[in-house]
């Protein structure tokens, strides 16, 4: 089941966010994610539209959007990946919006393949100022 994020989900969602970033972005120092933890928790989660995927009362993944179109986060717990949860979350927001955009690091090949499979196309390449890593700006529209 997908439902809207609740404040009491914060600890579980942030645990998934932290572990997911460590696993997906091994090319970025873990300190970067740790230094941004409070900003994401205290600012980003409050202003984003976040949905969680819950099964048997366990949050297995989540997706967050800013400004009604920008996917700032999509993470699924490692042990539940490749079970269709990411697909369900993406399709959920695709049903709600006419256009979606996201940034994905060039070195995160699995994510690029995932988003491409769901119709996202690379619109441009840029350098993330914080990490100095190359990233793709990907977009999907109906």
C-alpha atoms as a PDB file:
ATOM      1  CA  UNK A   1       0.000   0.000   0.000  1.00  0.00           C
ATOM      2  CA  UNK A   2       1.183   3.510  -0.771  1.00  0.00           C
ATOM      3  CA  UNK A   3       0.161   6.270   1.589  1.00  0.00           C
ATOM      4  CA  UNK A   4       1.129   9.820   2.399  1.00  0.00           C
ATOM      5  CA  UNK A   5       4.123  10.295   4.709  1.00  0.00           C
ATOM      6  CA  UNK A   6       3.316  11.009   8.368  1.00  0.00           C
ATOM      7  CA  UNK A   7       5.600  12.738  10.833  1.00  0.00           C
ATOM      8  CA  UNK A   8       5.906   9.535  12.852  1.00  0.00           C
ATOM      9  CA  UNK A   9       7.501   7.917   9.743  1.00  0.00           C
ATOM     10  CA  UNK A  10      10.499  10.261   9.937  1.00  0.00           C
ATOM     11  CA  UNK A  11      12.989   7.944  11.669  1.00  0.00           C
ATOM     12  CA  UNK A  12      12.227   5.003   9.379  1.00  0.00           C
ATOM     13  CA  UNK A  13      12.297   7.105   6.211  1.00  0.00           C
ATOM     14  CA  UNK A  14      15.565   8.779   7.200  1.00  0.00           C
ATOM     15  CA  UNK A  15      17.128   5.387   7.949  1.00  0.00           C
ATOM     16  CA  UNK A  16      16.149   4.205   4.461  1.00  0.00           C
ATOM     17  CA  UNK A  17      17.463   7.494   2.990  1.00  0.00           C
ATOM     18  CA  UNK A  18      20.836   7.198   4.751  1.00  0.00           C
ATOM     19  CA  UNK A  19      21.447   3.542   3.953  1.00  0.00           C
ATOM     20  CA  UNK A  20      20.160   3.997   0.408  1.00  0.00           C
ATOM     21  CA  UNK A  21      22.539   6.866  -0.267  1.00  0.00           C
ATOM     22  CA  UNK A  22      25.491   4.926   1.157  1.00  0.00           C
ATOM     23  CA  UNK A  23      24.632   1.926  -1.069  1.00  0.00           C
ATOM     24  CA  UNK A  24      23.755   3.788  -4.287  1.00  0.00           C
ATOM     25  CA  UNK A  25      26.470   6.426  -4.072  1.00  0.00           C
ATOM     26  CA  UNK A  26      29.601   4.642  -2.883  1.00  0.00           C
ATOM     27  CA  UNK A  27      31.594   7.103  -5.023  1.00  0.00           C
ATOM     28  CA  UNK A  28      30.596   9.933  -2.641  1.00  0.00           C
ATOM     29  CA  UNK A  29      32.096  10.190   0.845  1.00  0.00           C
ATOM     30  CA  UNK A  30      29.595   9.057   3.506  1.00  0.00           C
ATOM     31  CA  UNK A  31      30.268  12.274   5.416  1.00  0.00           C
ATOM     32  CA  UNK A  32      28.462  14.201   2.683  1.00  0.00           C
ATOM     33  CA  UNK A  33      25.223  12.343   3.429  1.00  0.00           C
ATOM     34  CA  UNK A  34      25.731  12.558   7.189  1.00  0.00           C
ATOM     35  CA  UNK A  35      26.333  16.320   6.969  1.00  0.00           C
ATOM     36  CA  UNK A  36      23.074  16.718   5.022  1.00  0.00           C
ATOM     37  CA  UNK A  37      21.011  14.410   7.228  1.00  0.00           C
ATOM     38  CA  UNK A  38      19.479  17.116   9.448  1.00  0.00           C
ATOM     39  CA  UNK A  39      18.754  19.422   6.538  1.00  0.00           C
ATOM     40  CA  UNK A  40      16.869  16.647   4.761  1.00  0.00           C
ATOM     41  CA  UNK A  41      15.043  15.598   7.929  1.00  0.00           C
ATOM     42  CA  UNK A  42      14.172  19.057   9.236  1.00  0.00           C
ATOM     43  CA  UNK A  43      13.653  21.011   6.005  1.00  0.00           C
ATOM     44  CA  UNK A  44      13.265  18.804   2.955  1.00  0.00           C
ATOM     45  CA  UNK A  45      10.808  16.277   4.410  1.00  0.00           C
ATOM     46  CA  UNK A  46       8.616  19.089   5.725  1.00  0.00           C
ATOM     47  CA  UNK A  47       8.299  20.856   2.383  1.00  0.00           C
ATOM     48  CA  UNK A  48       8.212  17.816   0.104  1.00  0.00           C
ATOM     49  CA  UNK A  49       5.288  15.643  -0.875  1.00  0.00           C
ATOM     50  CA  UNK A  50       6.391  12.218   0.306  1.00  0.00           C
ATOM     51  CA  UNK A  51       4.699   8.860  -0.077  1.00  0.00           C
ATOM     52  CA  UNK A  52       5.697   5.636   1.653  1.00  0.00           C
ATOM     53  CA  UNK A  53       5.227   2.064   0.522  1.00  0.00           C
ATOM     54  CA  UNK A  54       3.999   0.030   3.482  1.00  0.00           C
ATOM     55  CA  UNK A  55       3.511  -3.707   3.753  1.00  0.00           C
ATOM     56  CA  UNK A  56       2.688  -5.547   6.980  1.00  0.00           C
ATOM     57  CA  UNK A  57       3.088  -2.226   8.838  1.00  0.00           C
ATOM     58  CA  UNK A  58       6.693  -1.916   7.604  1.00  0.00           C
ATOM     59  CA  UNK A  59       7.874   0.990   5.472  1.00  0.00           C
ATOM     60  CA  UNK A  60       9.791  -0.650   2.640  1.00  0.00           C
ATOM     61  CA  UNK A  61      10.417   2.406   0.479  1.00  0.00           C
ATOM     62  CA  UNK A  62       9.462   5.998  -0.237  1.00  0.00           C
ATOM     63  CA  UNK A  63       9.380   8.700  -2.879  1.00  0.00           C
ATOM     64  CA  UNK A  64       9.583  12.470  -2.315  1.00  0.00           C
ATOM     65  CA  UNK A  65       8.640  15.278  -4.679  1.00  0.00           C
ATOM     66  CA  UNK A  66       9.300  18.990  -4.557  1.00  0.00           C
ATOM     67  CA  UNK A  67       7.258  21.625  -6.353  1.00  0.00           C
ATOM     68  CA  UNK A  68       4.839  19.024  -7.682  1.00  0.00           C
ATOM     69  CA  UNK A  69       7.208  17.617 -10.296  1.00  0.00           C
ATOM     70  CA  UNK A  70      10.783  17.130  -9.033  1.00  0.00           C
ATOM     71  CA  UNK A  71      11.650  13.708  -7.596  1.00  0.00           C
ATOM     72  CA  UNK A  72      14.194  14.463  -4.904  1.00  0.00           C
ATOM     73  CA  UNK A  73      14.348  10.934  -3.499  1.00  0.00           C
ATOM     74  CA  UNK A  74      13.270   7.399  -4.316  1.00  0.00           C
ATOM     75  CA  UNK A  75      14.642   4.671  -2.105  1.00  0.00           C
ATOM     76  CA  UNK A  76      13.692   1.082  -1.327  1.00  0.00           C
ATOM     77  CA  UNK A  77      15.228  -0.932   1.501  1.00  0.00           C
ATOM     78  CA  UNK A  78      17.958  -3.184   0.138  1.00  0.00           C
ATOM     79  CA  UNK A  79      16.235  -6.438   1.116  1.00  0.00           C
ATOM     80  CA  UNK A  80      13.069  -5.431  -0.792  1.00  0.00           C
ATOM     81  CA  UNK A  81      14.619  -4.222  -4.032  1.00  0.00           C
ATOM     82  CA  UNK A  82      13.702  -5.904  -7.310  1.00  0.00           C
ATOM     83  CA  UNK A  83      10.243  -6.744  -5.967  1.00  0.00           C
ATOM     84  CA  UNK A  84       8.372  -4.019  -7.830  1.00  0.00           C
ATOM     85  CA  UNK A  85       8.207  -1.460  -5.012  1.00  0.00           C
ATOM     86  CA  UNK A  86      10.153   1.217  -6.906  1.00  0.00           C
ATOM     87  CA  UNK A  87       7.960   0.582  -9.952  1.00  0.00           C
ATOM     88  CA  UNK A  88       4.816   1.026  -7.850  1.00  0.00           C
ATOM     89  CA  UNK A  89       6.107   4.273  -6.366  1.00  0.00           C
ATOM     90  CA  UNK A  90       7.090   5.682  -9.780  1.00  0.00           C
ATOM     91  CA  UNK A  91       3.771   4.682 -11.348  1.00  0.00           C
ATOM     92  CA  UNK A  92       1.920   6.209  -8.399  1.00  0.00           C
ATOM     93  CA  UNK A  93       3.432   9.643  -9.014  1.00  0.00           C
ATOM     94  CA  UNK A  94       3.188   9.261 -12.806  1.00  0.00           C
ATOM     95  CA  UNK A  95      -0.569   8.846 -12.343  1.00  0.00           C
ATOM     96  CA  UNK A  96      -0.710  12.046 -10.274  1.00  0.00           C
ATOM     97  CA  UNK A  97       1.433  14.349 -12.413  1.00  0.00           C
ATOM     98  CA  UNK A  98       1.846  15.225 -16.094  1.00  0.00           C
ATOM     99  CA  UNK A  99       5.582  15.856 -15.836  1.00  0.00           C
ATOM    100  CA  UNK A 100       8.368  14.623 -13.570  1.00  0.00           C
ATOM    101  CA  UNK A 101      12.038  15.537 -13.366  1.00  0.00           C
ATOM    102  CA  UNK A 102      14.987  14.276 -11.349  1.00  0.00           C
ATOM    103  CA  UNK A 103      18.759  14.400 -11.109  1.00  0.00           C
ATOM    104  CA  UNK A 104      20.756  11.184 -11.050  1.00  0.00           C
ATOM    105  CA  UNK A 105      24.507  10.748 -10.795  1.00  0.00           C
ATOM    106  CA  UNK A 106      26.155   9.440 -13.948  1.00  0.00           C
ATOM    107  CA  UNK A 107      27.921   6.744 -11.896  1.00  0.00           C
ATOM    108  CA  UNK A 108      24.588   5.437 -10.553  1.00  0.00           C
ATOM    109  CA  UNK A 109      24.039   3.166 -13.555  1.00  0.00           C
ATOM    110  CA  UNK A 110      21.273   1.094 -11.924  1.00  0.00           C
ATOM    111  CA  UNK A 111      19.197   4.208 -11.266  1.00  0.00           C
ATOM    112  CA  UNK A 112      19.716   5.505 -14.802  1.00  0.00           C
ATOM    113  CA  UNK A 113      18.567   2.164 -16.239  1.00  0.00           C
ATOM    114  CA  UNK A 114      15.600   2.109 -13.854  1.00  0.00           C
ATOM    115  CA  UNK A 115      14.380   5.577 -14.803  1.00  0.00           C
ATOM    116  CA  UNK A 116      15.003   5.001 -18.505  1.00  0.00           C
ATOM    117  CA  UNK A 117      12.820   1.876 -18.324  1.00  0.00           C
ATOM    118  CA  UNK A 118       9.985   4.088 -17.050  1.00  0.00           C
ATOM    119  CA  UNK A 119      10.233   6.561 -19.895  1.00  0.00           C
ATOM    120  CA  UNK A 120      12.555   9.165 -18.415  1.00  0.00           C
ATOM    121  CA  UNK A 121      14.940  10.761 -20.889  1.00  0.00           C
ATOM    122  CA  UNK A 122      18.179  12.576 -20.260  1.00  0.00           C
ATOM    123  CA  UNK A 123      17.670  16.291 -20.916  1.00  0.00           C
ATOM    124  CA  UNK A 124      21.132  17.533 -19.964  1.00  0.00           C
ATOM    125  CA  UNK A 125      24.331  16.741 -18.110  1.00  0.00           C
ATOM    126  CA  UNK A 126      25.611  18.981 -15.352  1.00  0.00           C
ATOM    127  CA  UNK A 127      28.018  18.968 -12.427  1.00  0.00           C
ATOM    128  CA  UNK A 128      26.558  18.777  -8.926  1.00  0.00           C
ATOM    129  CA  UNK A 129      28.204  21.728  -7.202  1.00  0.00           C
ATOM    130  CA  UNK A 130      28.267  20.027  -3.789  1.00  0.00           C
ATOM    131  CA  UNK A 131      29.794  16.702  -4.805  1.00  0.00           C
ATOM    132  CA  UNK A 132      31.530  17.738  -8.046  1.00  0.00           C
ATOM    133  CA  UNK A 133      30.024  14.628  -9.624  1.00  0.00           C
ATOM    134  CA  UNK A 134      28.486  14.563 -13.097  1.00  0.00           C
ATOM    135  CA  UNK A 135      24.717  14.100 -13.044  1.00  0.00           C
ATOM    136  CA  UNK A 136      21.925  13.717 -15.560  1.00  0.00           C
ATOM    137  CA  UNK A 137      18.787  15.810 -15.480  1.00  0.00           C
ATOM    138  CA  UNK A 138      16.096  13.340 -16.536  1.00  0.00           C
ATOM    139  CA  UNK A 139      12.501  14.099 -17.417  1.00  0.00           C
ATOM    140  CA  UNK A 140       9.275  12.251 -18.069  1.00  0.00           C
ATOM    141  CA  UNK A 141       6.015  13.674 -19.370  1.00  0.00           C
ATOM    142  CA  UNK A 142       2.670  12.267 -20.446  1.00  0.00           C
END
